[in-house]
Amino acid sequence: MYGWLATLGLVFGGCCSNAISLEQLTSEFPQAGSLITFFQFILISLHGLPQHITWTSYGPRLAPTQIPISRYIIQVCLFYLISLLNNAAFAYDIPMSVHIIFRSGGLIVSLVLGYIVAGKRYNIHQVLSVLVVTIGVVCTTLSASPSQSTSVSSTYLTGIAILSLALILSGFLGLVQDWTYRQHTGASPWQESMFFLHFLALPMFVLLRGDISAQIQVVNRTPRAYIALLVNTLTQLVCVAGVNRLTTRVNALTVTLVLVVRKAVSLVLSVAFNGAASHVDMQLLWTGAAMVMGGTIWYSFGRK
């Protein structure tokens, strides 16, 4: 019982507080997506480093892995891009409420890519449930359109395009991970995976050094922002650890249900603590949220 409560505490406490801290941080520094991502990758890498290095007579070296490091390369590139895109979207008038629900629409991409790339077949319940999720994502997207006229803000559309690209890349990442774990049956290295997805991506931030340097200069004007960055990164670590710990304790259906409830709680807390943007149609937003979450639950039961 204690283990269950601890796991749920990590999931709900870590993930919900992470969403709140991220919203507060991005509302003040909407252009700081690269810096936020860099901080997250640095801290999670430092957290996992002691567990994944060994000391030899020649100095430290990476410890043996359950899955060859070469298998992580494609995953690292995809994960790096997904993380950057998701955080960059806040610079394009994307409210946190829309961000939460839109990212929950990954079932759409998973089904299409699974059918086209992996040759998977789905039953009628799965197809209909994904259709419900799709309509829900559309409702959510329309709910936050900054314009009251028929023309939609190009800035907002750019943000939606960024989130859409991140969803597509997430679908490909899921396929690559499924393939990797099928090749290494019996391996369940979530801590190893979490470490290498962050650690191996660190050199790629050199490509963003100019952007990160400019964002640091902006953040330096408000020193307390570094506290917010630290809180956001720590809660991200707790959230990831909680979700992965959950996957080792229960089946996939229960994991899906818990995460759907967690996202619903995050959405409620986002609106409660920070309110909704003036241009958000709350009725349409909640309708979309209900359809996305209800469709996800239906899909989980329908695949049995």
C-alpha atoms as a PDB file:
ATOM      1  CA  MET A   1       0.000   0.000   0.000  1.00  0.00           C
ATOM      2  CA  TYR A   2       2.801   2.377   0.918  1.00  0.00           C
ATOM      3  CA  GLY A   3       4.543   1.654  -2.385  1.00  0.00           C
ATOM      4  CA  TRP A   4       1.367   2.469  -4.323  1.00  0.00           C
ATOM      5  CA  LEU A   5       0.862   5.732  -2.464  1.00  0.00           C
ATOM      6  CA  ALA A   6       4.493   6.689  -3.008  1.00  0.00           C
ATOM      7  CA  THR A   7       4.228   5.985  -6.736  1.00  0.00           C
ATOM      8  CA  LEU A   8       0.994   7.946  -7.127  1.00  0.00           C
ATOM      9  CA  GLY A   9       2.537  10.748  -5.084  1.00  0.00           C
ATOM     10  CA  LEU A  10       5.448  10.941  -7.512  1.00  0.00           C
ATOM     11  CA  VAL A  11       3.142  10.902 -10.550  1.00  0.00           C
ATOM     12  CA  PHE A  12       0.555  13.406  -9.372  1.00  0.00           C
ATOM     13  CA  GLY A  13       2.825  15.526  -7.194  1.00  0.00           C
ATOM     14  CA  GLY A  14       5.708  15.633  -9.647  1.00  0.00           C
ATOM     15  CA  CYS A  15       3.818  15.934 -12.944  1.00  0.00           C
ATOM     16  CA  CYS A  16       1.128  18.362 -11.757  1.00  0.00           C
ATOM     17  CA  SER A  17       3.614  20.650 -10.007  1.00  0.00           C
ATOM     18  CA  ASN A  18       5.816  20.466 -13.103  1.00  0.00           C
ATOM     19  CA  ALA A  19       2.947  21.678 -15.295  1.00  0.00           C
ATOM     20  CA  ILE A  20       2.214  24.550 -12.909  1.00  0.00           C
ATOM     21  CA  SER A  21       5.864  25.626 -12.618  1.00  0.00           C
ATOM     22  CA  LEU A  22       6.326  25.385 -16.391  1.00  0.00           C
ATOM     23  CA  GLU A  23       3.275  27.563 -17.006  1.00  0.00           C
ATOM     24  CA  GLN A  24       4.466  30.213 -14.567  1.00  0.00           C
ATOM     25  CA  LEU A  25       7.955  30.160 -16.055  1.00  0.00           C
ATOM     26  CA  THR A  26       6.847  30.356 -19.688  1.00  0.00           C
ATOM     27  CA  SER A  27       4.264  33.047 -18.977  1.00  0.00           C
ATOM     28  CA  GLU A  28       7.081  35.296 -17.791  1.00  0.00           C
ATOM     29  CA  PHE A  29       9.730  34.061 -20.245  1.00  0.00           C
ATOM     30  CA  PRO A  30       7.881  32.665 -23.277  1.00  0.00           C
ATOM     31  CA  GLN A  31      11.034  32.727 -25.424  1.00  0.00           C
ATOM     32  CA  ALA A  32      13.092  30.647 -22.978  1.00  0.00           C
ATOM     33  CA  GLY A  33      12.168  27.227 -24.386  1.00  0.00           C
ATOM     34  CA  SER A  34      15.736  26.251 -25.304  1.00  0.00           C
ATOM     35  CA  LEU A  35      17.089  27.319 -21.916  1.00  0.00           C
ATOM     36  CA  ILE A  36      14.377  25.377 -20.054  1.00  0.00           C
ATOM     37  CA  THR A  37      15.108  22.269 -22.125  1.00  0.00           C
ATOM     38  CA  PHE A  38      18.853  22.641 -21.536  1.00  0.00           C
ATOM     39  CA  PHE A  39      18.369  22.910 -17.770  1.00  0.00           C
ATOM     40  CA  GLN A  40      16.172  19.802 -17.758  1.00  0.00           C
ATOM     41  CA  PHE A  41      18.717  17.773 -19.723  1.00  0.00           C
ATOM     42  CA  ILE A  42      21.641  18.941 -17.579  1.00  0.00           C
ATOM     43  CA  LEU A  43      20.048  18.160 -14.199  1.00  0.00           C
ATOM     44  CA  ILE A  44      18.600  14.782 -15.220  1.00  0.00           C
ATOM     45  CA  SER A  45      22.002  13.817 -16.669  1.00  0.00           C
ATOM     46  CA  LEU A  46      23.786  14.826 -13.458  1.00  0.00           C
ATOM     47  CA  HIS A  47      21.225  12.893 -11.403  1.00  0.00           C
ATOM     48  CA  GLY A  48      21.802   9.689 -13.352  1.00  0.00           C
ATOM     49  CA  LEU A  49      25.544  10.005 -13.877  1.00  0.00           C
ATOM     50  CA  PRO A  50      26.710   8.303 -10.620  1.00  0.00           C
ATOM     51  CA  GLN A  51      24.643   5.200 -11.454  1.00  0.00           C
ATOM     52  CA  HIS A  52      26.004   4.893 -14.987  1.00  0.00           C
ATOM     53  CA  ILE A  53      29.749   5.394 -14.628  1.00  0.00           C
ATOM     54  CA  THR A  54      32.427   3.112 -13.227  1.00  0.00           C
ATOM     55  CA  TRP A  55      35.897   4.067 -12.096  1.00  0.00           C
ATOM     56  CA  THR A  56      38.878   2.295 -13.597  1.00  0.00           C
ATOM     57  CA  SER A  57      42.617   2.767 -13.327  1.00  0.00           C
ATOM     58  CA  TYR A  58      42.331   5.038 -16.370  1.00  0.00           C
ATOM     59  CA  GLY A  59      39.553   7.142 -14.864  1.00  0.00           C
ATOM     60  CA  PRO A  60      35.741   7.131 -15.183  1.00  0.00           C
ATOM     61  CA  ARG A  61      33.959   5.332 -17.998  1.00  0.00           C
ATOM     62  CA  LEU A  62      30.370   4.465 -18.796  1.00  0.00           C
ATOM     63  CA  ALA A  63      29.092   1.336 -17.090  1.00  0.00           C
ATOM     64  CA  PRO A  64      27.908  -1.645 -19.190  1.00  0.00           C
ATOM     65  CA  THR A  65      24.377  -1.152 -20.489  1.00  0.00           C
ATOM     66  CA  GLN A  66      21.431  -3.508 -20.909  1.00  0.00           C
ATOM     67  CA  ILE A  67      20.840  -2.096 -24.392  1.00  0.00           C
ATOM     68  CA  PRO A  68      23.774  -1.109 -26.654  1.00  0.00           C
ATOM     69  CA  ILE A  69      24.337   2.642 -26.709  1.00  0.00           C
ATOM     70  CA  SER A  70      24.157   2.595 -30.502  1.00  0.00           C
ATOM     71  CA  ARG A  71      20.471   1.661 -30.183  1.00  0.00           C
ATOM     72  CA  TYR A  72      19.837   4.924 -28.367  1.00  0.00           C
ATOM     73  CA  ILE A  73      21.204   7.265 -31.055  1.00  0.00           C
ATOM     74  CA  ILE A  74      18.002   7.674 -33.087  1.00  0.00           C
ATOM     75  CA  GLN A  75      15.943   7.872 -29.887  1.00  0.00           C
ATOM     76  CA  VAL A  76      18.212  10.628 -28.552  1.00  0.00           C
ATOM     77  CA  CYS A  77      17.844  12.742 -31.701  1.00  0.00           C
ATOM     78  CA  LEU A  78      14.061  12.373 -31.701  1.00  0.00           C
ATOM     79  CA  PHE A  79      13.728  13.012 -27.973  1.00  0.00           C
ATOM     80  CA  TYR A  80      15.939  16.102 -28.216  1.00  0.00           C
ATOM     81  CA  LEU A  81      13.808  17.587 -31.003  1.00  0.00           C
ATOM     82  CA  ILE A  82      10.522  16.698 -29.273  1.00  0.00           C
ATOM     83  CA  SER A  83      11.611  18.343 -26.018  1.00  0.00           C
ATOM     84  CA  LEU A  84      12.765  21.510 -27.783  1.00  0.00           C
ATOM     85  CA  LEU A  85       9.607  21.784 -29.870  1.00  0.00           C
ATOM     86  CA  ASN A  86       7.235  21.280 -26.931  1.00  0.00           C
ATOM     87  CA  ASN A  87       8.921  24.012 -24.897  1.00  0.00           C
ATOM     88  CA  ALA A  88       9.353  26.332 -27.892  1.00  0.00           C
ATOM     89  CA  ALA A  89       5.591  26.286 -28.581  1.00  0.00           C
ATOM     90  CA  PHE A  90       4.925  28.588 -25.611  1.00  0.00           C
ATOM     91  CA  ALA A  91       6.478  31.462 -27.550  1.00  0.00           C
ATOM     92  CA  TYR A  92       3.578  31.262 -30.028  1.00  0.00           C
ATOM     93  CA  ASP A  93       0.571  32.116 -27.858  1.00  0.00           C
ATOM     94  CA  ILE A  94      -0.151  28.495 -26.868  1.00  0.00           C
ATOM     95  CA  PRO A  95      -1.939  28.420 -23.471  1.00  0.00           C
ATOM     96  CA  MET A  96      -0.894  25.678 -21.041  1.00  0.00           C
ATOM     97  CA  SER A  97      -4.427  24.219 -21.106  1.00  0.00           C
ATOM     98  CA  VAL A  98      -4.199  23.706 -24.882  1.00  0.00           C
ATOM     99  CA  HIS A  99      -0.632  22.440 -24.519  1.00  0.00           C
ATOM    100  CA  ILE A 100      -1.736  19.726 -22.058  1.00  0.00           C
ATOM    101  CA  ILE A 101      -4.670  18.513 -24.138  1.00  0.00           C
ATOM    102  CA  PHE A 102      -2.921  18.741 -27.510  1.00  0.00           C
ATOM    103  CA  ARG A 103      -0.038  16.595 -26.292  1.00  0.00           C
ATOM    104  CA  SER A 104      -2.587  14.036 -25.115  1.00  0.00           C
ATOM    105  CA  GLY A 105      -3.596  13.518 -28.743  1.00  0.00           C
ATOM    106  CA  GLY A 106      -0.684  11.228 -29.507  1.00  0.00           C
ATOM    107  CA  LEU A 107      -3.042   8.305 -30.111  1.00  0.00           C
ATOM    108  CA  ILE A 108      -3.881   9.769 -33.520  1.00  0.00           C
ATOM    109  CA  VAL A 109      -0.282   9.719 -34.670  1.00  0.00           C
ATOM    110  CA  SER A 110       0.413   6.331 -33.058  1.00  0.00           C
ATOM    111  CA  LEU A 111      -2.511   4.715 -34.904  1.00  0.00           C
ATOM    112  CA  VAL A 112      -1.622   6.191 -38.301  1.00  0.00           C
ATOM    113  CA  LEU A 113       2.093   5.430 -38.029  1.00  0.00           C
ATOM    114  CA  GLY A 114       1.381   1.989 -36.594  1.00  0.00           C
ATOM    115  CA  TYR A 115      -0.811   1.208 -39.613  1.00  0.00           C
ATOM    116  CA  ILE A 116       1.470   2.695 -42.284  1.00  0.00           C
ATOM    117  CA  VAL A 117       4.947   1.968 -40.902  1.00  0.00           C
ATOM    118  CA  ALA A 118       4.570  -1.033 -38.599  1.00  0.00           C
ATOM    119  CA  GLY A 119       1.728  -2.775 -40.447  1.00  0.00           C
ATOM    120  CA  LYS A 120      -0.453  -2.940 -37.343  1.00  0.00           C
ATOM    121  CA  ARG A 121      -4.200  -3.492 -37.587  1.00  0.00           C
ATOM    122  CA  TYR A 122      -6.805  -1.973 -35.274  1.00  0.00           C
ATOM    123  CA  ASN A 123     -10.352  -2.960 -34.331  1.00  0.00           C
ATOM    124  CA  ILE A 124     -13.418  -0.749 -34.708  1.00  0.00           C
ATOM    125  CA  HIS A 125     -13.292   0.405 -31.070  1.00  0.00           C
ATOM    126  CA  GLN A 126      -9.735   1.643 -31.477  1.00  0.00           C
ATOM    127  CA  VAL A 127     -10.505   3.484 -34.706  1.00  0.00           C
ATOM    128  CA  LEU A 128     -13.647   5.150 -33.324  1.00  0.00           C
ATOM    129  CA  SER A 129     -11.946   6.112 -30.072  1.00  0.00           C
ATOM    130  CA  VAL A 130      -9.093   7.758 -31.992  1.00  0.00           C
ATOM    131  CA  LEU A 131     -11.685   9.619 -34.078  1.00  0.00           C
ATOM    132  CA  VAL A 132     -13.162  10.964 -30.826  1.00  0.00           C
ATOM    133  CA  VAL A 133      -9.680  12.017 -29.676  1.00  0.00           C
ATOM    134  CA  THR A 134      -9.079  13.741 -33.008  1.00  0.00           C
ATOM    135  CA  ILE A 135     -12.308  15.750 -32.765  1.00  0.00           C
ATOM    136  CA  GLY A 136     -11.380  16.637 -29.178  1.00  0.00           C
ATOM    137  CA  VAL A 137      -7.969  17.940 -30.252  1.00  0.00           C
ATOM    138  CA  VAL A 138      -9.616  20.022 -32.995  1.00  0.00           C
ATOM    139  CA  CYS A 139     -12.078  21.503 -30.478  1.00  0.00           C
ATOM    140  CA  THR A 140      -9.247  22.316 -28.089  1.00  0.00           C
ATOM    141  CA  THR A 141      -7.220  23.947 -30.855  1.00  0.00           C
ATOM    142  CA  LEU A 142     -10.143  26.106 -31.959  1.00  0.00           C
ATOM    143  CA  SER A 143     -10.983  27.045 -28.364  1.00  0.00           C
ATOM    144  CA  ALA A 144      -7.812  29.097 -28.013  1.00  0.00           C
ATOM    145  CA  SER A 145      -7.719  30.808 -31.381  1.00  0.00           C
ATOM    146  CA  PRO A 146      -6.690  34.396 -30.558  1.00  0.00           C
ATOM    147  CA  SER A 147      -8.908  35.848 -33.244  1.00  0.00           C
ATOM    148  CA  GLN A 148     -12.670  36.173 -32.988  1.00  0.00           C
ATOM    149  CA  SER A 149     -12.932  36.530 -36.768  1.00  0.00           C
ATOM    150  CA  THR A 150     -12.618  33.804 -39.370  1.00  0.00           C
ATOM    151  CA  SER A 151      -8.908  34.453 -39.807  1.00  0.00           C
ATOM    152  CA  VAL A 152      -6.694  32.676 -37.287  1.00  0.00           C
ATOM    153  CA  SER A 153      -3.572  34.274 -35.893  1.00  0.00           C
ATOM    154  CA  SER A 154      -0.503  33.154 -37.851  1.00  0.00           C
ATOM    155  CA  THR A 155       1.465  33.107 -34.598  1.00  0.00           C
ATOM    156  CA  TYR A 156      -0.999  30.704 -32.992  1.00  0.00           C
ATOM    157  CA  LEU A 157      -1.016  28.524 -36.128  1.00  0.00           C
ATOM    158  CA  THR A 158       2.776  28.363 -35.974  1.00  0.00           C
ATOM    159  CA  GLY A 159       2.553  27.159 -32.375  1.00  0.00           C
ATOM    160  CA  ILE A 160       0.019  24.479 -33.339  1.00  0.00           C
ATOM    161  CA  ALA A 161       2.279  23.404 -36.218  1.00  0.00           C
ATOM    162  CA  ILE A 162       5.196  23.066 -33.772  1.00  0.00           C
ATOM    163  CA  LEU A 163       3.121  20.916 -31.397  1.00  0.00           C
ATOM    164  CA  SER A 164       1.881  18.838 -34.336  1.00  0.00           C
ATOM    165  CA  LEU A 165       5.435  18.168 -35.482  1.00  0.00           C
ATOM    166  CA  ALA A 166       6.372  17.189 -31.923  1.00  0.00           C
ATOM    167  CA  LEU A 167       3.437  14.736 -31.850  1.00  0.00           C
ATOM    168  CA  ILE A 168       4.531  13.152 -35.133  1.00  0.00           C
ATOM    169  CA  LEU A 169       8.108  12.795 -33.905  1.00  0.00           C
ATOM    170  CA  SER A 170       6.775  11.297 -30.648  1.00  0.00           C
ATOM    171  CA  GLY A 171       4.944   8.692 -32.707  1.00  0.00           C
ATOM    172  CA  PHE A 172       8.158   7.743 -34.492  1.00  0.00           C
ATOM    173  CA  LEU A 173       9.994   7.663 -31.148  1.00  0.00           C
ATOM    174  CA  GLY A 174       7.403   5.215 -29.823  1.00  0.00           C
ATOM    175  CA  LEU A 175       7.896   2.941 -32.848  1.00  0.00           C
ATOM    176  CA  VAL A 176      11.686   3.016 -32.440  1.00  0.00           C
ATOM    177  CA  GLN A 177      11.422   2.232 -28.732  1.00  0.00           C
ATOM    178  CA  ASP A 178       8.997  -0.636 -29.358  1.00  0.00           C
ATOM    179  CA  TRP A 179      11.360  -2.092 -31.937  1.00  0.00           C
ATOM    180  CA  THR A 180      14.349  -1.695 -29.598  1.00  0.00           C
ATOM    181  CA  TYR A 181      12.659  -3.451 -26.677  1.00  0.00           C
ATOM    182  CA  ARG A 182      11.494  -6.278 -28.942  1.00  0.00           C
ATOM    183  CA  GLN A 183      15.114  -6.809 -29.936  1.00  0.00           C
ATOM    184  CA  HIS A 184      16.151  -6.923 -26.279  1.00  0.00           C
ATOM    185  CA  THR A 185      13.436  -8.998 -24.638  1.00  0.00           C
ATOM    186  CA  GLY A 186      13.634  -8.992 -20.870  1.00  0.00           C
ATOM    187  CA  ALA A 187      15.376  -5.633 -20.628  1.00  0.00           C
ATOM    188  CA  SER A 188      13.435  -3.000 -18.703  1.00  0.00           C
ATOM    189  CA  PRO A 189      16.030  -0.255 -18.315  1.00  0.00           C
ATOM    190  CA  TRP A 190      13.879   2.793 -17.725  1.00  0.00           C
ATOM    191  CA  GLN A 191      16.548   4.476 -15.595  1.00  0.00           C
ATOM    192  CA  GLU A 192      19.188   3.671 -18.208  1.00  0.00           C
ATOM    193  CA  SER A 193      16.948   4.961 -20.984  1.00  0.00           C
ATOM    194  CA  MET A 194      16.091   8.164 -19.123  1.00  0.00           C
ATOM    195  CA  PHE A 195      19.782   8.858 -18.475  1.00  0.00           C
ATOM    196  CA  PHE A 196      21.074   8.235 -21.999  1.00  0.00           C
ATOM    197  CA  LEU A 197      18.227  10.084 -23.740  1.00  0.00           C
ATOM    198  CA  HIS A 198      19.293  13.185 -21.825  1.00  0.00           C
ATOM    199  CA  PHE A 199      23.047  12.663 -21.441  1.00  0.00           C
ATOM    200  CA  LEU A 200      23.838  11.792 -25.067  1.00  0.00           C
ATOM    201  CA  ALA A 201      21.839  14.806 -26.271  1.00  0.00           C
ATOM    202  CA  LEU A 202      23.926  17.365 -24.348  1.00  0.00           C
ATOM    203  CA  PRO A 203      26.491  17.948 -27.161  1.00  0.00           C
ATOM    204  CA  MET A 204      23.640  18.900 -29.515  1.00  0.00           C
ATOM    205  CA  PHE A 205      22.902  21.982 -27.427  1.00  0.00           C
ATOM    206  CA  VAL A 206      26.094  23.480 -28.874  1.00  0.00           C
ATOM    207  CA  LEU A 207      23.984  24.177 -31.950  1.00  0.00           C
ATOM    208  CA  LEU A 208      21.764  26.410 -29.787  1.00  0.00           C
ATOM    209  CA  ARG A 209      24.503  28.153 -27.826  1.00  0.00           C
ATOM    210  CA  GLY A 210      23.648  31.580 -29.268  1.00  0.00           C
ATOM    211  CA  ASP A 211      19.959  31.188 -28.502  1.00  0.00           C
ATOM    212  CA  ILE A 212      20.638  29.883 -24.996  1.00  0.00           C
ATOM    213  CA  SER A 213      23.130  32.698 -24.305  1.00  0.00           C
ATOM    214  CA  ALA A 214      20.546  35.308 -25.316  1.00  0.00           C
ATOM    215  CA  GLN A 215      17.910  33.678 -23.120  1.00  0.00           C
ATOM    216  CA  ILE A 216      20.309  33.612 -20.165  1.00  0.00           C
ATOM    217  CA  GLN A 217      20.853  37.359 -20.543  1.00  0.00           C
ATOM    218  CA  VAL A 218      17.094  37.913 -20.368  1.00  0.00           C
ATOM    219  CA  VAL A 219      16.682  35.632 -17.357  1.00  0.00           C
ATOM    220  CA  ASN A 220      19.608  37.329 -15.576  1.00  0.00           C
ATOM    221  CA  ARG A 221      17.460  40.439 -15.229  1.00  0.00           C
ATOM    222  CA  THR A 222      15.254  38.445 -12.861  1.00  0.00           C
ATOM    223  CA  PRO A 223      17.542  36.272 -10.692  1.00  0.00           C
ATOM    224  CA  ARG A 224      14.603  34.517  -9.014  1.00  0.00           C
ATOM    225  CA  ALA A 225      13.860  32.987 -12.395  1.00  0.00           C
ATOM    226  CA  TYR A 226      16.678  30.523 -11.759  1.00  0.00           C
ATOM    227  CA  ILE A 227      14.766  29.230  -8.745  1.00  0.00           C
ATOM    228  CA  ALA A 228      11.771  28.666 -11.000  1.00  0.00           C
ATOM    229  CA  LEU A 229      14.022  26.879 -13.505  1.00  0.00           C
ATOM    230  CA  LEU A 230      15.390  24.634 -10.773  1.00  0.00           C
ATOM    231  CA  VAL A 231      11.914  23.825  -9.432  1.00  0.00           C
ATOM    232  CA  ASN A 232      10.683  23.031 -12.935  1.00  0.00           C
ATOM    233  CA  THR A 233      13.629  20.735 -13.611  1.00  0.00           C
ATOM    234  CA  LEU A 234      13.379  18.929 -10.274  1.00  0.00           C
ATOM    235  CA  THR A 235       9.649  18.330 -10.687  1.00  0.00           C
ATOM    236  CA  GLN A 236      10.321  17.055 -14.224  1.00  0.00           C
ATOM    237  CA  LEU A 237      12.723  14.512 -12.739  1.00  0.00           C
ATOM    238  CA  VAL A 238      10.175  13.442 -10.114  1.00  0.00           C
ATOM    239  CA  CYS A 239       7.452  13.182 -12.770  1.00  0.00           C
ATOM    240  CA  VAL A 240       9.525  10.995 -15.105  1.00  0.00           C
ATOM    241  CA  ALA A 241      10.637   8.763 -12.227  1.00  0.00           C
ATOM    242  CA  GLY A 242       7.044   8.387 -11.033  1.00  0.00           C
ATOM    243  CA  VAL A 243       5.665   7.475 -14.461  1.00  0.00           C
ATOM    244  CA  ASN A 244       8.393   4.927 -15.105  1.00  0.00           C
ATOM    245  CA  ARG A 245       7.975   3.460 -11.637  1.00  0.00           C
ATOM    246  CA  LEU A 246       4.251   3.164 -12.322  1.00  0.00           C
ATOM    247  CA  THR A 247       4.890   1.193 -15.524  1.00  0.00           C
ATOM    248  CA  THR A 248       6.823  -1.426 -13.532  1.00  0.00           C
ATOM    249  CA  ARG A 249       3.970  -1.951 -11.049  1.00  0.00           C
ATOM    250  CA  VAL A 250       0.813  -2.137 -13.146  1.00  0.00           C
ATOM    251  CA  ASN A 251      -0.357  -3.111 -16.627  1.00  0.00           C
ATOM    252  CA  ALA A 252      -0.509  -0.738 -19.597  1.00  0.00           C
ATOM    253  CA  LEU A 253      -4.254  -0.126 -19.198  1.00  0.00           C
ATOM    254  CA  THR A 254      -3.890   1.061 -15.611  1.00  0.00           C
ATOM    255  CA  VAL A 255      -0.947   3.263 -16.587  1.00  0.00           C
ATOM    256  CA  THR A 256      -3.064   4.908 -19.291  1.00  0.00           C
ATOM    257  CA  LEU A 257      -5.971   5.510 -16.906  1.00  0.00           C
ATOM    258  CA  VAL A 258      -3.737   6.997 -14.208  1.00  0.00           C
ATOM    259  CA  LEU A 259      -2.037   9.317 -16.699  1.00  0.00           C
ATOM    260  CA  VAL A 260      -5.380  10.449 -18.129  1.00  0.00           C
ATOM    261  CA  VAL A 261      -6.541  11.368 -14.622  1.00  0.00           C
ATOM    262  CA  ARG A 262      -3.213  13.089 -13.981  1.00  0.00           C
ATOM    263  CA  LYS A 263      -3.592  15.234 -17.105  1.00  0.00           C
ATOM    264  CA  ALA A 264      -7.143  16.114 -16.096  1.00  0.00           C
ATOM    265  CA  VAL A 265      -5.893  17.220 -12.676  1.00  0.00           C
ATOM    266  CA  SER A 266      -3.116  19.268 -14.320  1.00  0.00           C
ATOM    267  CA  LEU A 267      -5.681  20.954 -16.544  1.00  0.00           C
ATOM    268  CA  VAL A 268      -7.943  21.798 -13.607  1.00  0.00           C
ATOM    269  CA  LEU A 269      -5.002  23.137 -11.577  1.00  0.00           C
ATOM    270  CA  SER A 270      -3.787  25.196 -14.545  1.00  0.00           C
ATOM    271  CA  VAL A 271      -7.154  26.928 -14.850  1.00  0.00           C
ATOM    272  CA  ALA A 272      -7.581  27.233 -11.072  1.00  0.00           C
ATOM    273  CA  PHE A 273      -4.140  28.707 -10.333  1.00  0.00           C
ATOM    274  CA  ASN A 274      -3.548  30.782 -13.424  1.00  0.00           C
ATOM    275  CA  GLY A 275      -6.991  31.228 -14.939  1.00  0.00           C
ATOM    276  CA  ALA A 276      -7.705  30.963 -18.649  1.00  0.00           C
ATOM    277  CA  ALA A 277      -6.444  33.340 -21.284  1.00  0.00           C
ATOM    278  CA  SER A 278      -9.024  35.933 -22.235  1.00  0.00           C
ATOM    279  CA  HIS A 279      -9.335  34.544 -25.757  1.00  0.00           C
ATOM    280  CA  VAL A 280      -9.980  30.929 -24.673  1.00  0.00           C
ATOM    281  CA  ASP A 281     -13.499  29.551 -25.128  1.00  0.00           C
ATOM    282  CA  MET A 282     -13.760  27.509 -21.927  1.00  0.00           C
ATOM    283  CA  GLN A 283     -16.825  25.566 -23.015  1.00  0.00           C
ATOM    284  CA  LEU A 284     -15.099  24.409 -26.183  1.00  0.00           C
ATOM    285  CA  LEU A 285     -11.884  23.738 -24.238  1.00  0.00           C
ATOM    286  CA  TRP A 286     -13.585  21.469 -21.688  1.00  0.00           C
ATOM    287  CA  THR A 287     -15.549  19.719 -24.429  1.00  0.00           C
ATOM    288  CA  GLY A 288     -12.303  18.983 -26.256  1.00  0.00           C
ATOM    289  CA  ALA A 289     -10.598  17.858 -23.046  1.00  0.00           C
ATOM    290  CA  ALA A 290     -13.452  15.472 -22.205  1.00  0.00           C
ATOM    291  CA  MET A 291     -13.354  13.978 -25.715  1.00  0.00           C
ATOM    292  CA  VAL A 292      -9.572  13.504 -25.667  1.00  0.00           C
ATOM    293  CA  MET A 293      -9.530  11.885 -22.241  1.00  0.00           C
ATOM    294  CA  GLY A 294     -12.686   9.844 -22.821  1.00  0.00           C
ATOM    295  CA  GLY A 295     -11.380   8.660 -26.192  1.00  0.00           C
ATOM    296  CA  THR A 296      -8.076   7.650 -24.610  1.00  0.00           C
ATOM    297  CA  ILE A 297      -9.851   5.531 -21.989  1.00  0.00           C
ATOM    298  CA  TRP A 298     -12.074   3.966 -24.680  1.00  0.00           C
ATOM    299  CA  TYR A 299      -8.990   3.119 -26.765  1.00  0.00           C
ATOM    300  CA  SER A 300      -7.327   1.474 -23.756  1.00  0.00           C
ATOM    301  CA  PHE A 301     -10.319  -0.784 -23.117  1.00  0.00           C
ATOM    302  CA  GLY A 302     -10.981  -1.316 -26.832  1.00  0.00           C
ATOM    303  CA  ARG A 303      -7.600  -2.830 -27.588  1.00  0.00           C
ATOM    304  CA  LYS A 304      -8.249  -5.816 -25.332  1.00  0.00           C
END
